[in-house]
Amino acid sequence: MTFDELIAAGRAGKELVMPATWTQGRATFGGLVAALVFDRMEHAVVDGRPMRSMSVSFVGPVEAEVPAVFDIQILREGRAVTQVEGRIIQNGEPRVVCIGAFAGDRESIVQLVGESAPDAKPVEGCQELPFIEGVTPGFISHIEMRWAYGGMPFSGVGGREMGGWMRFREEPAELTDAHIVALVDAWPPAILQHFKSAVPASSLSWALDIIHPRPALKADDWLLYKATIDQSGDGYCHCEARIWTPRGELLALSRQTVAVFG
């Protein structure tokens, strides 16, 4: 199933089975499950209040081919801001917990444009992470990534930065906020380029802000992602990332805490 098909299926009922083609190790790709929860949260909120910030806790792996139940609750709805909680429950246990702040515009005399994108090689000049069945994660068959900064996972090159260009392999009907959520989480933790052989890693928490008013996007646009490691030690890595449109406009901000087993 494509991403658009999964979004449509998720809206059709309270329960959904994640297909095996979207796996990441023993779990379903975190960007997919976060995007599916986000989409349900977004549709529970009144119009005119886009998501400004969302925090995600990956409590446990969301298993493929096992029914997952979505639970969405409005925690508070004020004059401008709606706070929403979304959960995925599987086998009676919470596997993903999201808290989102959806807010309408406010009047302000301060207007500062987001930081422009850094220089990056053009897409055609960047190395692609290919989908190799049984080697790269299953979800790579749906999302294309081209390396512009840093090295591939387990290349041993070291450094603090990783990133490049990303988009869906099958062009969606439109590039929505839910698509952005999924794309941003596709990148492996930047710490993995320090290792010379494969080691497991798992996101503990993830915070994502989407900039609004959101710059206009075409369905086939390549988005630019650049992550920087702030600190790593004792088996945990803390990193932040920024995401831009192909025209260099700031689109989103991301921060992750990652457990590294090596």
Protein backbone atom coordinates (compact mmCIF):
# COMPACT_ATOMS: atom_id res chain seq x y z
CA MET A 1 0.00 0.00 0.00
CA THR A 2 1.18 3.51 -0.78
CA PHE A 3 1.29 6.24 1.86
CA ASP A 4 -1.84 7.87 0.44
CA GLU A 5 -3.69 4.54 0.54
CA LEU A 6 -2.71 4.01 4.18
CA ILE A 7 -3.88 7.51 5.11
CA ALA A 8 -7.24 6.82 3.43
CA ALA A 9 -7.53 3.45 5.19
CA GLY A 10 -6.67 5.05 8.51
CA ARG A 11 -9.50 7.56 8.16
CA ALA A 12 -11.97 4.81 7.31
CA GLY A 13 -11.94 3.11 10.71
CA LYS A 14 -10.53 3.04 14.22
CA GLU A 15 -8.34 0.00 13.53
CA LEU A 16 -5.60 -0.52 10.94
CA VAL A 17 -3.12 -3.27 10.07
CA MET A 18 0.34 -2.01 9.09
CA PRO A 19 1.71 -3.77 5.97
CA ALA A 20 5.08 -5.52 6.13
CA THR A 21 6.43 -3.39 3.26
CA TRP A 22 6.65 -0.42 5.66
CA THR A 23 8.91 -2.04 8.25
CA GLN A 24 12.04 -0.70 9.89
CA GLY A 25 13.79 -3.57 11.63
CA ARG A 26 11.28 -5.44 13.78
CA ALA A 27 8.84 -2.51 13.88
CA THR A 28 6.75 -0.47 11.47
CA PHE A 29 8.55 2.66 10.24
CA GLY A 30 8.17 5.34 12.93
CA GLY A 31 7.50 8.13 10.45
CA LEU A 32 4.53 6.23 9.06
CA VAL A 33 2.88 5.53 12.41
CA ALA A 34 3.49 9.10 13.60
CA ALA A 35 2.02 10.46 10.36
CA LEU A 36 -1.06 8.24 10.66
CA VAL A 37 -1.66 9.41 14.24
CA PHE A 38 -1.05 13.01 13.19
CA ASP A 39 -3.58 12.77 10.36
CA ARG A 40 -6.27 11.56 12.74
CA MET A 41 -5.39 14.28 15.26
CA GLU A 42 -5.51 16.94 12.55
CA HIS A 43 -8.99 15.84 11.47
CA ALA A 44 -10.24 16.07 15.06
CA VAL A 45 -9.39 19.79 15.19
CA VAL A 46 -11.48 22.66 13.84
CA ASP A 47 -10.39 24.18 10.53
CA GLY A 48 -7.87 27.02 10.60
CA ARG A 49 -5.64 25.52 13.29
CA PRO A 50 -2.63 23.84 11.68
CA MET A 51 -0.18 21.80 13.70
CA ARG A 52 2.56 24.02 15.11
CA SER A 53 4.31 21.45 17.28
CA MET A 54 4.08 17.73 18.00
CA SER A 55 5.97 15.48 20.40
CA VAL A 56 6.14 11.74 19.82
CA SER A 57 7.13 8.99 22.27
CA PHE A 58 7.88 5.63 20.69
CA VAL A 59 6.83 3.55 23.67
CA GLY A 60 7.19 0.21 21.91
CA PRO A 61 7.40 -1.25 18.40
CA VAL A 62 4.26 -1.11 16.27
CA GLU A 63 4.18 -4.58 14.74
CA ALA A 64 3.34 -5.21 11.11
CA GLU A 65 0.36 -7.40 10.21
CA VAL A 66 -1.11 -6.96 13.72
CA PRO A 67 -4.27 -4.83 14.25
CA ALA A 68 -3.46 -1.40 15.68
CA VAL A 69 -6.14 0.74 17.36
CA PHE A 70 -6.03 4.56 17.17
CA ASP A 71 -7.23 6.59 20.15
CA ILE A 72 -7.56 10.38 19.68
CA GLN A 73 -8.61 12.78 22.46
CA ILE A 74 -8.98 16.56 22.57
CA LEU A 75 -7.25 17.58 25.80
CA ARG A 76 -8.18 21.26 25.64
CA GLU A 77 -9.64 23.62 23.10
CA GLY A 78 -8.98 27.29 23.77
CA ARG A 79 -9.67 30.42 21.75
CA ALA A 80 -6.62 29.90 19.54
CA VAL A 81 -4.96 26.61 20.50
CA THR A 82 -6.19 23.00 20.57
CA GLN A 83 -4.15 20.40 22.43
CA VAL A 84 -4.65 16.84 21.16
CA GLU A 85 -3.37 13.46 22.30
CA GLY A 86 -3.12 10.55 19.89
CA ARG A 87 -2.19 6.95 20.67
CA ILE A 88 -1.66 3.68 18.87
CA ILE A 89 -2.70 0.70 20.98
CA GLN A 90 -1.59 -2.79 20.01
CA ASN A 91 -2.24 -5.98 21.95
CA GLY A 92 -3.77 -3.80 24.67
CA GLU A 93 -0.58 -1.75 25.16
CA PRO A 94 0.32 1.81 24.07
CA ARG A 95 2.99 1.70 21.38
CA VAL A 96 3.05 5.35 20.23
CA VAL A 97 1.89 8.43 22.15
CA CYS A 98 1.68 11.86 20.49
CA ILE A 99 0.81 15.29 21.86
CA GLY A 100 0.08 17.97 19.27
CA ALA A 101 -0.51 21.71 19.53
CA PHE A 102 -2.76 22.99 16.74
CA ALA A 103 -3.08 26.76 16.67
CA GLY A 104 -4.58 29.53 14.59
CA ASP A 105 -2.78 32.72 13.65
CA ARG A 106 -2.27 35.58 16.12
CA GLU A 107 -1.58 39.22 15.38
CA SER A 108 2.05 40.23 15.95
CA ILE A 109 4.25 43.17 14.99
CA VAL A 110 7.27 40.84 14.70
CA GLN A 111 7.76 39.02 11.39
CA LEU A 112 11.08 37.23 10.84
CA VAL A 113 11.71 34.96 7.88
CA GLY A 114 13.10 31.51 8.68
CA GLU A 115 16.77 30.78 8.08
CA SER A 116 17.44 29.93 4.43
CA ALA A 117 18.73 26.54 3.36
CA PRO A 118 22.49 25.92 3.32
CA ASP A 119 24.32 25.09 0.12
CA ALA A 120 23.71 21.53 -1.07
CA LYS A 121 24.67 19.50 -4.11
CA PRO A 122 21.86 19.18 -6.66
CA VAL A 123 19.79 16.01 -6.37
CA GLU A 124 21.34 14.42 -9.45
CA GLY A 125 24.82 14.82 -7.95
CA CYS A 126 24.00 13.07 -4.66
CA GLN A 127 24.38 9.41 -3.74
CA GLU A 128 21.10 7.53 -3.43
CA LEU A 129 20.24 5.08 -0.67
CA PRO A 130 18.86 2.22 -2.78
CA PHE A 131 16.17 -0.19 -1.65
CA ILE A 132 17.74 -3.64 -1.37
CA GLU A 133 15.28 -6.21 -0.08
CA GLY A 134 16.57 -7.84 3.09
CA VAL A 135 19.34 -5.25 3.48
CA THR A 136 17.81 -1.77 3.71
CA PRO A 137 14.59 -1.12 5.70
CA GLY A 138 11.35 -2.00 3.93
CA PHE A 139 10.05 1.57 3.95
CA ILE A 140 12.93 2.64 1.67
CA SER A 141 10.89 1.08 -1.15
CA HIS A 142 8.45 3.98 -0.63
CA ILE A 143 10.78 6.91 0.21
CA GLU A 144 13.76 8.09 -1.82
CA MET A 145 16.78 9.77 -0.17
CA ARG A 146 19.89 11.34 -1.70
CA TRP A 147 22.93 12.10 0.50
CA ALA A 148 24.24 15.69 0.41
CA TYR A 149 25.80 15.92 3.89
CA GLY A 150 27.80 13.42 5.93
CA GLY A 151 28.06 9.72 5.19
CA MET A 152 25.88 6.67 4.85
CA PRO A 153 25.00 4.67 7.98
CA PHE A 154 27.84 2.36 9.07
CA SER A 155 30.34 4.02 6.74
CA GLY A 156 32.64 4.98 9.63
CA VAL A 157 33.21 8.50 8.31
CA GLY A 158 32.28 10.22 11.59
CA GLY A 159 31.20 13.86 11.75
CA ARG A 160 28.23 15.71 13.22
CA GLU A 161 26.10 16.35 10.12
CA MET A 162 23.96 14.11 7.93
CA GLY A 163 21.23 14.78 5.40
CA GLY A 164 20.21 15.51 1.87
CA TRP A 165 17.17 15.37 -0.39
CA MET A 166 14.01 13.31 0.16
CA ARG A 167 10.65 12.62 -1.46
CA PHE A 168 8.15 9.79 -1.99
CA ARG A 169 9.03 7.37 -4.79
CA GLU A 170 5.39 7.33 -5.88
CA GLU A 171 4.16 10.89 -6.28
CA PRO A 172 1.31 11.62 -3.84
CA ALA A 173 -1.84 13.46 -4.80
CA GLU A 174 -0.51 16.43 -2.79
CA LEU A 175 2.25 17.03 -0.26
CA THR A 176 0.40 17.55 3.04
CA ASP A 177 1.65 18.02 6.59
CA ALA A 178 1.17 14.27 7.13
CA HIS A 179 3.54 13.57 4.24
CA ILE A 180 6.10 15.93 5.78
CA VAL A 181 5.87 14.08 9.12
CA ALA A 182 6.66 10.78 7.41
CA LEU A 183 9.51 12.15 5.30
CA VAL A 184 11.32 13.88 8.16
CA ASP A 185 11.57 10.67 10.18
CA ALA A 186 12.91 8.66 7.23
CA TRP A 187 16.50 9.73 7.81
CA PRO A 188 18.63 7.42 9.94
CA PRO A 189 20.16 8.86 13.13
CA ALA A 190 23.26 10.86 12.21
CA ILE A 191 25.27 8.95 14.82
CA LEU A 192 25.15 5.80 12.68
CA GLN A 193 27.74 7.19 10.26
CA HIS A 194 30.30 6.83 13.08
CA PHE A 195 30.08 3.03 13.03
CA LYS A 196 31.93 0.76 10.61
CA SER A 197 29.47 -2.11 11.00
CA ALA A 198 25.72 -2.34 11.60
CA VAL A 199 24.44 -1.64 15.11
CA PRO A 200 20.82 -1.23 16.26
CA ALA A 201 19.41 2.20 17.08
CA SER A 202 15.94 3.27 18.16
CA SER A 203 14.22 6.66 18.56
CA LEU A 204 12.99 7.28 22.11
CA SER A 205 11.35 10.61 21.48
CA TRP A 206 10.83 13.02 18.63
CA ALA A 207 9.67 16.64 18.53
CA LEU A 208 8.58 18.23 15.25
CA ASP A 209 7.51 21.79 14.43
CA ILE A 210 5.99 22.63 11.04
CA ILE A 211 6.29 26.26 9.97
CA HIS A 212 3.05 28.07 9.16
CA PRO A 213 2.00 29.71 7.00
CA ARG A 214 3.57 26.77 5.21
CA PRO A 215 5.47 27.49 2.01
CA ALA A 216 3.75 26.21 -1.12
CA LEU A 217 4.85 22.73 -2.19
CA LYS A 218 4.37 20.66 -5.33
CA ALA A 219 3.60 16.97 -4.97
CA ASP A 220 6.91 15.93 -6.55
CA ASP A 221 9.14 18.42 -4.72
CA TRP A 222 12.40 17.25 -3.20
CA LEU A 223 12.75 18.48 0.40
CA LEU A 224 16.16 19.22 1.93
CA TYR A 225 17.03 17.76 5.35
CA LYS A 226 20.09 18.51 7.47
CA ALA A 227 20.66 17.01 10.93
CA THR A 228 23.36 17.96 13.43
CA ILE A 229 24.48 15.90 16.44
CA ASP A 230 24.43 18.05 19.58
CA GLN A 231 25.88 15.40 21.89
CA SER A 232 26.26 11.64 22.09
CA GLY A 233 27.40 9.41 24.94
CA ASP A 234 26.43 6.56 27.26
CA GLY A 235 24.38 4.96 24.50
CA TYR A 236 22.20 7.98 23.64
CA CYS A 237 22.41 10.58 20.89
CA HIS A 238 20.75 14.00 20.86
CA CYS A 239 20.35 15.67 17.48
CA GLU A 240 18.40 18.42 15.78
CA ALA A 241 17.45 18.95 12.16
CA ARG A 242 15.98 21.51 9.80
CA ILE A 243 13.97 20.94 6.66
CA TRP A 244 13.64 23.29 3.69
CA THR A 245 11.69 23.50 0.44
CA PRO A 246 13.64 23.13 -2.85
CA ARG A 247 13.59 26.94 -3.02
CA GLY A 248 15.40 27.21 0.33
CA GLU A 249 12.42 28.19 2.51
CA LEU A 250 12.38 26.84 6.07
CA LEU A 251 9.66 24.22 6.36
CA ALA A 252 10.11 22.31 9.63
CA LEU A 253 12.27 21.80 12.74
CA SER A 254 13.01 18.41 14.28
CA ARG A 255 14.70 17.11 17.43
CA GLN A 256 15.31 13.48 18.42
CA THR A 257 16.71 11.44 21.27
CA VAL A 258 18.05 8.13 19.99
CA ALA A 259 19.16 5.02 21.88
CA VAL A 260 22.26 3.48 20.25
CA PHE A 261 23.21 -0.12 20.98
CA GLY A 262 26.88 0.03 20.11
